[in-house]
Structure formats: C-alpha cells, structure tokens
Protein backbone atom coordinates (compact mmCIF):
# COMPACT_ATOMS: atom_id res chain seq x y z
CA UNK A 1 -12.37 7.52 26.86
CA UNK A 2 -11.13 10.98 27.88
CA UNK A 3 -9.35 13.58 26.04
CA UNK A 4 -6.56 13.53 28.44
CA UNK A 5 -6.23 9.65 27.60
CA UNK A 6 -6.75 10.25 23.72
CA UNK A 7 -3.86 12.67 23.98
CA UNK A 8 -1.75 10.43 25.97
CA UNK A 9 -2.47 7.69 23.21
CA UNK A 10 -1.64 9.91 20.45
CA UNK A 11 1.81 10.88 22.36
CA UNK A 12 2.42 6.94 22.70
CA UNK A 13 1.90 6.45 18.86
CA UNK A 14 4.00 8.97 17.43
CA UNK A 15 6.72 8.76 19.99
CA UNK A 16 10.25 6.79 19.97
CA UNK A 17 10.55 6.83 15.94
CA UNK A 18 13.83 8.00 14.53
CA UNK A 19 14.00 11.54 13.09
CA UNK A 20 14.67 10.16 9.61
CA UNK A 21 11.20 8.66 9.68
CA UNK A 22 9.89 11.84 10.36
CA UNK A 23 11.20 13.25 7.20
CA UNK A 24 10.00 10.23 5.20
CA UNK A 25 6.58 11.00 6.50
CA UNK A 26 6.40 14.71 5.69
CA UNK A 27 7.79 13.74 2.02
CA UNK A 28 4.85 11.29 1.97
CA UNK A 29 2.41 14.15 3.21
CA UNK A 30 3.68 16.52 0.67
CA UNK A 31 3.49 14.20 -2.15
CA UNK A 32 -0.28 13.11 -1.68
CA UNK A 33 -1.18 16.60 -0.87
CA UNK A 34 -0.10 17.39 -4.45
CA UNK A 35 -1.71 14.38 -5.99
CA UNK A 36 -4.37 16.09 -8.11
CA UNK A 37 -3.62 13.83 -11.55
CA UNK A 38 -5.46 10.86 -10.43
CA UNK A 39 -8.34 12.72 -8.34
CA UNK A 40 -9.47 14.94 -11.58
CA UNK A 41 -7.97 12.86 -14.47
CA UNK A 42 -11.24 11.53 -15.61
CA UNK A 43 -13.08 14.66 -15.26
CA UNK A 44 -10.08 16.41 -17.24
CA UNK A 45 -10.26 13.74 -20.01
CA UNK A 46 -14.03 14.05 -20.53
CA UNK A 47 -15.27 17.66 -19.63
CA UNK A 48 -12.05 19.86 -20.60
CA UNK A 49 -10.73 17.70 -23.64
CA UNK A 50 -13.97 16.03 -24.51
CA UNK A 51 -13.01 12.34 -24.88
CA UNK A 52 -15.52 9.53 -24.03
CA UNK A 53 -16.02 7.94 -20.50
CA UNK A 54 -14.67 4.56 -22.00
CA UNK A 55 -11.50 6.87 -23.05
CA UNK A 56 -11.17 8.16 -19.50
CA UNK A 57 -11.68 4.78 -17.99
CA UNK A 58 -9.17 3.17 -20.27
CA UNK A 59 -6.28 5.85 -19.32
CA UNK A 60 -7.09 5.04 -15.62
CA UNK A 61 -6.68 1.41 -16.08
CA UNK A 62 -3.34 2.15 -17.94
CA UNK A 63 -1.93 3.81 -14.59
CA UNK A 64 -2.72 0.82 -12.93
CA UNK A 65 -1.30 -1.49 -15.50
CA UNK A 66 2.07 0.92 -15.36
CA UNK A 67 2.12 0.00 -11.60
CA UNK A 68 2.06 -3.88 -12.37
CA UNK A 69 5.65 -2.91 -13.90
CA UNK A 70 6.70 -0.18 -11.84
CA UNK A 71 6.29 -2.37 -8.62
CA UNK A 72 9.05 -4.76 -9.27
CA UNK A 73 11.25 -2.56 -10.94
CA UNK A 74 11.27 -0.48 -7.98
CA UNK A 75 12.05 -3.19 -5.92
CA UNK A 76 15.07 -4.37 -7.93
CA UNK A 77 16.42 -0.86 -8.02
CA UNK A 78 16.17 -0.47 -4.48
CA UNK A 79 18.23 -3.27 -3.71
CA UNK A 80 20.75 -2.47 -6.22
CA UNK A 81 21.19 1.27 -6.34
CA UNK A 82 20.05 1.72 -2.94
CA UNK A 83 16.66 3.28 -1.10
CA UNK A 84 17.37 6.98 -1.60
CA UNK A 85 18.35 7.38 -5.12
CA UNK A 86 15.38 4.97 -6.28
CA UNK A 87 12.93 7.33 -4.48
CA UNK A 88 14.59 10.58 -5.89
CA UNK A 89 14.64 9.31 -9.63
CA UNK A 90 10.97 7.76 -9.49
CA UNK A 91 9.57 11.02 -7.79
CA UNK A 92 11.55 13.15 -10.33
CA UNK A 93 9.89 10.89 -13.31
CA UNK A 94 6.41 11.01 -11.79
CA UNK A 95 6.72 14.82 -11.67
CA UNK A 96 8.11 14.89 -15.32
CA UNK A 97 4.77 12.95 -16.11
CA UNK A 98 2.22 15.26 -14.27
CA UNK A 99 3.90 18.15 -15.75
CA UNK A 100 3.57 16.64 -19.46
CA UNK A 101 -0.06 16.18 -18.84
CA UNK A 102 -0.50 20.00 -18.65
CA UNK A 103 0.65 20.45 -22.02
CA UNK A 104 0.16 17.07 -23.84
CA UNK A 105 -3.69 16.75 -25.58
CA UNK A 106 -3.40 13.89 -27.82
CA UNK A 107 -5.04 10.79 -27.00
CA UNK A 108 -1.47 8.56 -27.34
CA UNK A 109 0.40 11.36 -25.38
CA UNK A 110 -1.74 11.37 -22.53
CA UNK A 111 -2.16 7.48 -22.57
CA UNK A 112 1.89 7.06 -22.39
CA UNK A 113 2.46 9.84 -19.83
CA UNK A 114 -0.46 7.95 -17.62
CA UNK A 115 1.16 4.48 -17.85
CA UNK A 116 4.62 6.06 -17.41
CA UNK A 117 3.18 7.86 -14.18
CA UNK A 118 1.64 4.74 -12.73
CA UNK A 119 4.81 2.83 -13.30
CA UNK A 120 7.15 5.56 -11.52
CA UNK A 121 4.49 6.02 -8.47
CA UNK A 122 4.21 2.48 -7.99
CA UNK A 123 8.12 2.07 -8.40
CA UNK A 124 8.66 4.56 -5.29
CA UNK A 125 7.14 2.31 -3.11
CA UNK A 126 9.40 -0.65 -2.57
CA UNK A 127 12.06 1.98 -1.45
CA UNK A 128 9.87 3.64 1.02
CA UNK A 129 8.62 0.50 2.67
CA UNK A 130 12.33 -0.71 2.65
CA UNK A 131 13.60 2.41 4.20
CA UNK A 132 10.95 2.05 7.23
CA UNK A 133 11.95 -1.46 7.79
CA UNK A 134 15.70 -0.59 7.56
CA UNK A 135 15.59 2.50 9.97
CA UNK A 136 12.78 1.59 12.51
CA UNK A 137 13.10 -0.84 15.21
CA UNK A 138 11.35 -4.06 14.54
CA UNK A 139 8.91 -3.90 17.06
CA UNK A 140 7.89 -0.39 15.85
CA UNK A 141 7.55 -1.26 12.10
CA UNK A 142 4.01 -1.80 12.05
CA UNK A 143 3.02 1.40 14.14
CA UNK A 144 5.55 3.00 11.60
CA UNK A 145 3.89 1.82 8.46
CA UNK A 146 0.46 2.98 9.85
CA UNK A 147 1.82 6.40 10.62
CA UNK A 148 2.86 6.67 7.02
CA UNK A 149 -0.49 5.18 5.78
CA UNK A 150 -2.13 8.03 7.81
CA UNK A 151 0.06 10.71 6.02
CA UNK A 152 -0.82 9.54 2.73
CA UNK A 153 -4.60 9.46 3.54
CA UNK A 154 -4.22 12.82 4.95
CA UNK A 155 -2.60 14.34 1.86
CA UNK A 156 -5.21 12.79 -0.37
CA UNK A 157 -7.79 14.31 1.80
CA UNK A 158 -6.31 17.64 1.27
CA UNK A 159 -5.53 17.14 -2.32
CA UNK A 160 -9.58 16.26 -2.69
CA UNK A 161 -10.24 19.85 -1.46
CA UNK A 162 -8.71 20.64 -4.75
CA UNK A 163 -11.81 20.41 -6.65
CA UNK A 164 -13.03 23.61 -5.92
CA UNK A 165 -9.62 25.31 -7.21
CA UNK A 166 -10.18 23.39 -10.36
CA UNK A 167 -12.77 25.81 -11.17
CA UNK A 168 -10.94 29.08 -11.52
CA UNK A 169 -7.30 27.84 -11.59
CA UNK A 170 -7.97 25.01 -14.13
CA UNK A 171 -6.93 21.36 -14.33
CA UNK A 172 -3.55 21.91 -16.10
CA UNK A 173 -2.64 24.37 -13.41
CA UNK A 174 -3.25 21.68 -10.73
CA UNK A 175 -1.37 19.22 -12.71
CA UNK A 176 1.52 21.50 -12.27
CA UNK A 177 1.18 22.03 -8.63
CA UNK A 178 1.30 18.01 -8.56
CA UNK A 179 4.44 18.24 -10.37
CA UNK A 180 5.93 20.66 -8.27
CA UNK A 181 4.70 18.82 -5.11
CA UNK A 182 6.29 15.66 -6.20
CA UNK A 183 9.69 17.87 -6.93
CA UNK A 184 9.52 19.03 -3.50
CA UNK A 185 9.23 15.73 -2.15
CA UNK A 186 12.22 14.30 -4.10
CA UNK A 187 14.09 17.41 -2.35
CA UNK A 188 13.46 16.49 1.08
CA UNK A 189 14.46 13.08 0.43
CA UNK A 190 17.73 14.39 -1.20
CA UNK A 191 18.54 16.63 1.50
CA UNK A 192 17.15 15.11 4.99
CA UNK A 193 16.99 11.18 4.26
CA UNK A 194 19.85 8.93 4.62
CA UNK A 195 20.58 6.01 2.61
CA UNK A 196 19.73 3.12 4.68
CA UNK A 197 20.51 -0.07 2.55
CA UNK A 198 22.47 -2.49 4.77
CA UNK A 199 26.21 -2.71 3.93
CA UNK A 200 27.94 -5.66 2.44
CA UNK A 201 29.14 -7.84 5.16
CA UNK A 202 32.83 -8.13 5.75
CA UNK A 203 34.78 -11.19 6.97
CA UNK A 204 35.84 -14.31 5.24
CA UNK A 205 32.42 -15.38 4.00
CA UNK A 206 31.74 -11.85 2.56
CA UNK A 207 32.43 -12.64 -1.05
CA UNK A 208 30.21 -15.95 -1.10
CA UNK A 209 27.51 -14.14 0.72
CA UNK A 210 27.72 -10.93 -1.88
CA UNK A 211 27.18 -13.39 -4.59
CA UNK A 212 24.24 -15.14 -2.95
CA UNK A 213 22.73 -11.59 -2.37
CA UNK A 214 23.50 -10.57 -5.87
CA UNK A 215 21.42 -13.77 -7.34
CA UNK A 216 18.23 -12.80 -5.71
CA UNK A 217 15.59 -11.95 -8.16
CA UNK A 218 11.76 -11.80 -8.51
CA UNK A 219 11.35 -15.62 -9.04
CA UNK A 220 13.83 -16.23 -6.11
CA UNK A 221 11.49 -14.25 -3.99
CA UNK A 222 8.45 -16.06 -5.41
CA UNK A 223 10.10 -19.67 -4.38
CA UNK A 224 9.56 -18.05 -0.63
CA UNK A 225 6.67 -20.10 0.25
CA UNK A 226 5.59 -18.22 3.27
CA UNK A 227 5.96 -14.87 1.33
CA UNK A 228 4.34 -16.21 -1.85
CA UNK A 229 1.35 -16.98 0.25
CA UNK A 230 1.18 -13.70 1.85
CA UNK A 231 1.38 -12.03 -1.69
CA UNK A 232 -1.69 -14.39 -2.93
CA UNK A 233 -3.59 -13.85 0.07
CA UNK A 234 -3.10 -9.78 -0.19
CA UNK A 235 -4.28 -10.02 -3.60
CA UNK A 236 -7.59 -11.70 -2.80
CA UNK A 237 -7.98 -8.95 -0.12
CA UNK A 238 -6.99 -5.97 -2.63
CA UNK A 239 -9.58 -7.57 -5.22
CA UNK A 240 -12.16 -6.96 -2.11
CA UNK A 241 -11.06 -3.64 -1.18
CA UNK A 242 -11.01 -2.39 -5.02
CA UNK A 243 -14.44 -3.90 -5.79
CA UNK A 244 -16.41 -0.63 -4.05
CA UNK A 245 -14.79 1.91 -6.02
CA UNK A 246 -16.18 0.73 -8.91
CA UNK A 247 -19.32 -1.37 -7.62
CA UNK A 248 -20.61 1.00 -5.12
CA UNK A 249 -21.70 3.90 -7.27
CA UNK A 250 -23.08 1.61 -9.83
CA UNK A 251 -25.06 -0.01 -7.15
CA UNK A 252 -26.31 3.36 -5.50
CA UNK A 253 -27.22 4.47 -8.91
CA UNK A 254 -29.20 1.11 -9.53
CA UNK A 255 -31.21 2.05 -6.48
CA UNK A 256 -31.86 5.84 -7.76
CA UNK A 257 -29.33 7.57 -5.22
CA UNK A 258 -27.53 10.50 -6.85
CA UNK A 259 -24.04 11.03 -7.67
CA UNK A 260 -24.02 13.50 -4.56
CA UNK A 261 -25.16 10.78 -2.38
CA UNK A 262 -21.86 8.57 -3.67
CA UNK A 263 -19.60 11.37 -2.82
CA UNK A 264 -20.97 11.84 0.31
CA UNK A 265 -20.68 8.12 1.19
CA UNK A 266 -17.22 7.52 -0.52
CA UNK A 267 -16.02 10.56 1.60
CA UNK A 268 -16.48 8.55 4.90
CA UNK A 269 -13.59 6.40 3.81
CA UNK A 270 -11.01 9.21 3.87
CA UNK A 271 -12.89 10.81 7.16
CA UNK A 272 -12.75 7.63 9.12
CA UNK A 273 -8.73 7.01 8.23
CA UNK A 274 -7.94 10.88 9.03
CA UNK A 275 -9.78 10.75 12.14
CA UNK A 276 -9.15 7.21 13.71
CA UNK A 277 -6.19 5.65 12.06
CA UNK A 278 -4.00 6.61 15.44
CA UNK A 279 -6.67 5.26 17.51
CA UNK A 280 -6.91 1.95 15.62
CA UNK A 281 -3.25 1.71 15.69
CA UNK A 282 -3.05 2.13 19.44
CA UNK A 283 -5.72 -0.70 19.92
CA UNK A 284 -4.19 -2.98 17.38
CA UNK A 285 -0.53 -2.62 18.49
CA UNK A 286 1.69 -5.40 19.81
CA UNK A 287 -1.41 -7.92 18.58
CA UNK A 288 -0.67 -10.99 16.39
CA UNK A 289 -0.05 -10.11 12.88
CA UNK A 290 -1.95 -13.29 11.82
CA UNK A 291 -4.85 -12.35 13.88
CA UNK A 292 -4.94 -8.94 12.55
CA UNK A 293 -4.73 -9.94 8.97
CA UNK A 294 -7.86 -12.61 10.03
CA UNK A 295 -9.74 -9.84 11.23
CA UNK A 296 -9.24 -7.10 8.39
CA UNK A 297 -10.11 -9.81 5.78
CA UNK A 298 -13.21 -10.71 7.55
CA UNK A 299 -14.31 -7.00 8.01
CA UNK A 300 -13.41 -6.41 4.30
CA UNK A 301 -15.80 -9.34 3.41
CA UNK A 302 -18.47 -8.14 5.84
CA UNK A 303 -18.41 -4.40 4.74
CA UNK A 304 -18.68 -5.27 0.93
CA UNK A 305 -21.05 -8.13 1.56
CA UNK A 306 -23.41 -6.02 3.67
CA UNK A 307 -23.55 -3.67 0.65
CA UNK A 308 -26.24 -5.75 -1.08
CA UNK A 309 -28.64 -5.41 1.93
CA UNK A 310 -28.00 -1.40 2.05
CA UNK A 311 -30.78 0.53 0.81
CA UNK A 312 -30.19 4.30 2.02
CA UNK A 313 -27.19 6.43 1.88
CA UNK A 314 -26.50 6.07 5.58
CA UNK A 315 -26.72 2.17 5.30
CA UNK A 316 -23.99 2.65 2.63
CA UNK A 317 -22.05 4.65 4.62
CA UNK A 318 -22.25 2.04 7.46
CA UNK A 319 -20.70 -0.42 5.11
CA UNK A 320 -17.94 1.88 4.23
CA UNK A 321 -17.08 2.38 7.75
CA UNK A 322 -16.42 -1.21 8.00
CA UNK A 323 -14.38 -2.15 5.60
CA UNK A 324 -12.66 1.18 6.05
CA UNK A 325 -11.49 -0.03 9.55
CA UNK A 326 -10.52 -3.19 7.94
CA UNK A 327 -8.27 -1.22 5.58
CA UNK A 328 -6.61 0.33 8.62
CA UNK A 329 -5.71 -2.75 10.32
CA UNK A 330 -4.60 -4.62 6.99
CA UNK A 331 -2.19 -2.13 5.22
CA UNK A 332 0.31 -1.67 8.07
CA UNK A 333 -0.17 -5.18 9.10
CA UNK A 334 0.52 -6.54 5.84
CA UNK A 335 3.39 -4.22 4.95
CA UNK A 336 5.27 -5.25 8.32
CA UNK A 337 4.56 -8.71 7.73
CA UNK A 338 6.36 -8.32 4.27
CA UNK A 339 9.33 -6.66 5.87
CA UNK A 340 9.50 -9.36 8.62
CA UNK A 341 9.80 -12.25 6.08
CA UNK A 342 12.16 -10.30 3.75
CA UNK A 343 15.90 -10.89 4.21
CA UNK A 344 17.86 -7.21 4.64
CA UNK A 345 19.67 -7.47 1.46
CA UNK A 346 16.28 -8.19 -0.65
CA UNK A 347 13.79 -5.77 1.07
CA UNK A 348 13.08 -3.90 -1.76
CA UNK A 349 12.43 -7.01 -4.27
CA UNK A 350 10.22 -8.19 -1.46
CA UNK A 351 8.23 -5.12 -1.24
CA UNK A 352 8.13 -4.72 -5.10
CA UNK A 353 6.35 -8.13 -5.40
CA UNK A 354 3.97 -7.34 -2.77
CA UNK A 355 3.28 -4.22 -4.34
CA UNK A 356 2.81 -5.91 -7.51
CA UNK A 357 -0.28 -7.62 -6.04
CA UNK A 358 -1.81 -4.28 -5.24
CA UNK A 359 -1.35 -3.01 -8.74
CA UNK A 360 -2.63 -6.17 -10.21
CA UNK A 361 -5.64 -5.93 -8.33
CA UNK A 362 -6.18 -2.22 -9.36
CA UNK A 363 -6.38 -3.22 -12.92
CA UNK A 364 -8.26 -6.26 -12.71
CA UNK A 365 -10.97 -5.67 -10.15
CA UNK A 366 -12.45 -2.61 -11.78
CA UNK A 367 -13.07 -4.68 -14.77
CA UNK A 368 -14.39 -7.82 -13.17
CA UNK A 369 -16.60 -5.51 -10.75
CA UNK A 370 -18.11 -3.65 -13.89
CA UNK A 371 -18.60 -7.03 -15.85
CA UNK A 372 -20.32 -8.77 -12.90
CA UNK A 373 -22.88 -5.49 -12.37
CA UNK A 374 -23.60 -5.35 -15.86
CA UNK A 375 -24.18 -9.11 -16.21
CA UNK A 376 -25.44 -11.30 -13.07
CA UNK A 377 -26.04 -7.73 -10.90
CA UNK A 378 -24.74 -6.18 -8.02
CA UNK A 379 -25.81 -8.78 -5.39
CA UNK A 380 -23.58 -11.20 -7.06
CA UNK A 381 -20.35 -8.96 -6.94
CA UNK A 382 -21.00 -8.37 -3.09
CA UNK A 383 -21.45 -11.91 -2.47
CA UNK A 384 -18.57 -12.82 -4.11
CA UNK A 385 -16.46 -10.01 -2.14
CA UNK A 386 -18.06 -11.74 1.01
CA UNK A 387 -16.89 -15.01 0.08
CA UNK A 388 -13.43 -13.98 -0.82
CA UNK A 389 -12.75 -12.08 2.33
CA UNK A 390 -13.88 -15.35 4.35
CA UNK A 391 -11.35 -17.46 2.32
CA UNK A 392 -8.66 -14.69 2.56
CA UNK A 393 -9.13 -14.68 6.50
CA UNK A 394 -9.27 -18.77 6.13
CA UNK A 395 -6.11 -18.77 4.38
CA UNK A 396 -4.03 -16.39 6.96
CA UNK A 397 -5.08 -18.59 9.87
CA UNK A 398 -4.24 -21.87 8.69
CA UNK A 399 -1.37 -21.15 6.00
CA UNK A 400 0.62 -18.17 7.93
CA UNK A 401 0.11 -18.79 11.47
CA UNK A 402 3.46 -20.64 11.94
CA UNK A 403 5.70 -18.42 9.67
CA UNK A 404 4.40 -15.16 11.38
CA UNK A 405 4.68 -16.37 14.65
CA UNK A 406 8.14 -17.94 14.55
CA UNK A 407 9.35 -14.37 13.12
CA UNK A 408 7.24 -12.63 15.89
CA UNK A 409 9.19 -14.70 18.48
CA UNK A 410 12.63 -13.83 16.96
CA UNK A 411 11.66 -10.16 17.05
CA UNK A 412 10.48 -10.20 20.74
CA UNK A 413 13.35 -12.07 21.78
CA UNK A 414 15.17 -10.67 24.84
CA UNK A 415 18.49 -9.22 24.33
CA UNK A 416 21.10 -11.43 26.22
CA UNK A 417 22.70 -10.31 29.34
CA UNK A 418 26.35 -9.92 29.33
CA UNK A 419 28.33 -12.56 30.49
CA UNK A 420 30.70 -15.55 29.75
CA UNK A 421 30.24 -16.58 25.98
CA UNK A 422 29.12 -20.42 25.94
CA UNK A 423 30.34 -22.61 22.92
CA UNK A 424 28.83 -22.45 19.86
CA UNK A 425 26.16 -25.07 19.15
CA UNK A 426 26.23 -26.81 15.91
CA UNK A 427 23.75 -25.03 13.48
CA UNK A 428 20.60 -27.01 12.63
CA UNK A 429 20.05 -28.34 9.05
CA UNK A 430 16.94 -26.53 7.66
CA UNK A 431 15.08 -28.21 4.64
CA UNK A 432 12.90 -26.19 2.79
CA UNK A 433 9.89 -27.82 1.24
CA UNK A 434 7.07 -26.22 -0.68
CA UNK A 435 4.46 -25.74 1.94
CA UNK A 436 3.73 -22.37 3.27
CA UNK A 437 4.25 -23.32 6.92
CA UNK A 438 8.10 -24.08 5.85
CA UNK A 439 9.77 -20.98 6.42
CA UNK A 440 13.10 -20.31 4.56
CA UNK A 441 16.38 -19.20 6.20
CA UNK A 442 16.40 -15.59 7.02
CA UNK A 443 19.65 -13.51 6.42
C-alpha cells in the first residue's frame, strides 16, 4: 500500500463528520492527555506514601467499583438533564477528586476520592456516546466512535510519557495537572459543544409519548432482549480483555522475564492502537456489525489463549498485537450497536447500562485472574479466556444476527423520492417475546 493510498484513506476516515464531533474529540484528547492519576496511582501509594501493594490494589479496584455505580447514573442524568450538563458536571467532579488526591494522605481519604473519581469518570461516558449518536449520521456512527477511541488512546499514550516528569515534578504535581486538564475539558464542552438531546415530540400524541419516555428505567432497558444479550456478551469480552492486564505480568514473571520486559510488551497495545486504528477503521468500514463482533471475539480468544504458548518477549508481544486488533474492532462496533438498539429518548440509559458491563469486568476480572494464576496456574487462565472468546463469538453469531441485521437495513434504507403520498398502510402488530431475536419496537 503506497503512501498516497494511506493518506487518501486517512482523509476519507476523518472527513464528513460535523464540527461538534471534533470539539468532542478534542475534549477527549485533552482529558486523556492529563490522565495521570490512574497511570501512577499505585506507584504513588507504595513509593511515595509507603502503603502496601495490597492497599494499592484495593484502591485501584475501588475505582472500578465506583464505575459500576457511575455508569448507570450517568446514563439516567444524560436522558434527564441532557448530554452537555452531565458531561460538564462529571468532568468537574472528576477534576475535584484528582485535585484532592494531591493533598489527601489518609488511607480513608484516598480510598474515598478514588471511589468517587471512578464514578465520575465512568458517568461521563454515556453522555459522550449519546452525543455522538445524536449528532453523527447513522451511517458514520461506528467511524465516529472509532475516531473518539483513537483520541482516547492517543491521549493516554501521551500521559504515559509523564512518568519521567514524575521524577522531578512529583506525583502530586501530576495529579494537579490531571485536574487542570479535566477542567479544560469541561470548558471545551461548555463553550463549543451544543446540547444534542432530542427535543420532546410535538403533536396530539406528545403527552402520551412523553409519559412513556419518562418511565424508561434501567430495568426497562434490561427488558430489551437483544440489548440485554449484547450487554452480557460484551461482559464476556470485557473479562477476556481485562485478564491480560493482571495475568500477563504474572505469567511473564513466572517465566523469569523482567518487569522492563513486561513494560515493553504491554506498550505494544498503545503503539498498535495509535498507529493503526485509522487503518483498521478503513478496512472494517461498512462491514456487518455481527461479523465484526464475531471476529473481534475470536481475536480476543486467540490472542489471550496463545499467551500460554509464548516463551519470549517477542512471542508475548505478538499475542498482544492479536488481541489489540480485536480491541480496535470491538470497542467502536459495540458502541455503534448500542446506539442502534437504543431509542432516541433513552440513549443515555442504554449507554450507561453498557458502560456498567465494562466497569463490572474491570472490578471482577483482576480478582479472578489473580486467583487463577495463584491457584491452578496461568495456563488455566489463558485456556479459560480462549474458551470465553469463542463462546462470545458464538453468541454474537446466533443470538444477535437478526436484531442487528434488521437495524442495519433500517439505517441503510434509501431516502424516498418525492412524489404522490400513498395512503398509509395499517401498522403491523409487533409481539415482543423474551428471545434475543425478537427485537422490540424502536422509537
């Protein structure tokens, strides 16, 4: 592939999106560029404050636990308050928590700040995802999610370089920089991003429809059979995706490889995403969402499962490349599938429930991975992740093919040519069942 071809592909990938999306993209980049707290929190707790590794692990887990509550909360506020005020409020709350960590030294104070930060950081994801679905044409939604995910990883890669600055600036200074960057993110949203929440419908049926919209709750969302299946399958994929972040360093250490070797291997994840996300998006654009979800699940299973066979840093890096490609395909495709299945007035709640699956996996997977490595051993962990990846792929292929294909047909339906307006046909009666193949009525 020539340089000119790559440039043309890059232009096509970033073209045609509304200006509001790029302000949101910039806010994501700024926010993640200053994300120093999570990157260096464990080092700060152990090396700077003298806490045990057990306490550092517990605090990091509390961040994930906060996200379990924060994601559905952010979804509800997104639909009730609006996308913009929810983003601004949660960004400012996260900034306050990051700033507090620069001054709080007690164990309880640190644990509380990290727990609340986890809730605030996860609560901001539903309004971001809902805003993208609101402002971007349906045919470009997956591409927009992919670009936003690229900004997130690009910013995180820049933040990781702050490790050298910690040596002479100090961890507390980095946490204050994190707080300032998050405030700046809120300022960008406040000044440049419009509110995109769909306006209430007008007309004789508006009161009835508005009442129905107000009744949407998390339980209502979970009664949507296709979406419930999508959430459960995503939870399986998230467990596989999270396992290497705990199991990989333990496996490499068990084989006598150094900590620096692990650092180089896991850095491959960020390098591949930053360098090739746009290319992967170009190659997968307009593909069937079910096909992409199946492929990504298999790549997760293959990459993590092959870790059991690796015996050198190069081999471990190769396994990271495989599951990283799965990550680049899965994350935007899953977000776009969520947006497609969600009614306009409940996009925040749907994204909040989906985000909760990521948060649950982030809390549960490290505990399970550590227990398996300490017990049956690393080979059992990687065999389990391979099996879960295959199971998830089978689930996507058999349980969601009809629901996502029907939504795709609606998105791709041609615009009718102006002409005489035919008499309306009687509306079909839709009976909703409990099976994931029975897609409920979308509004």
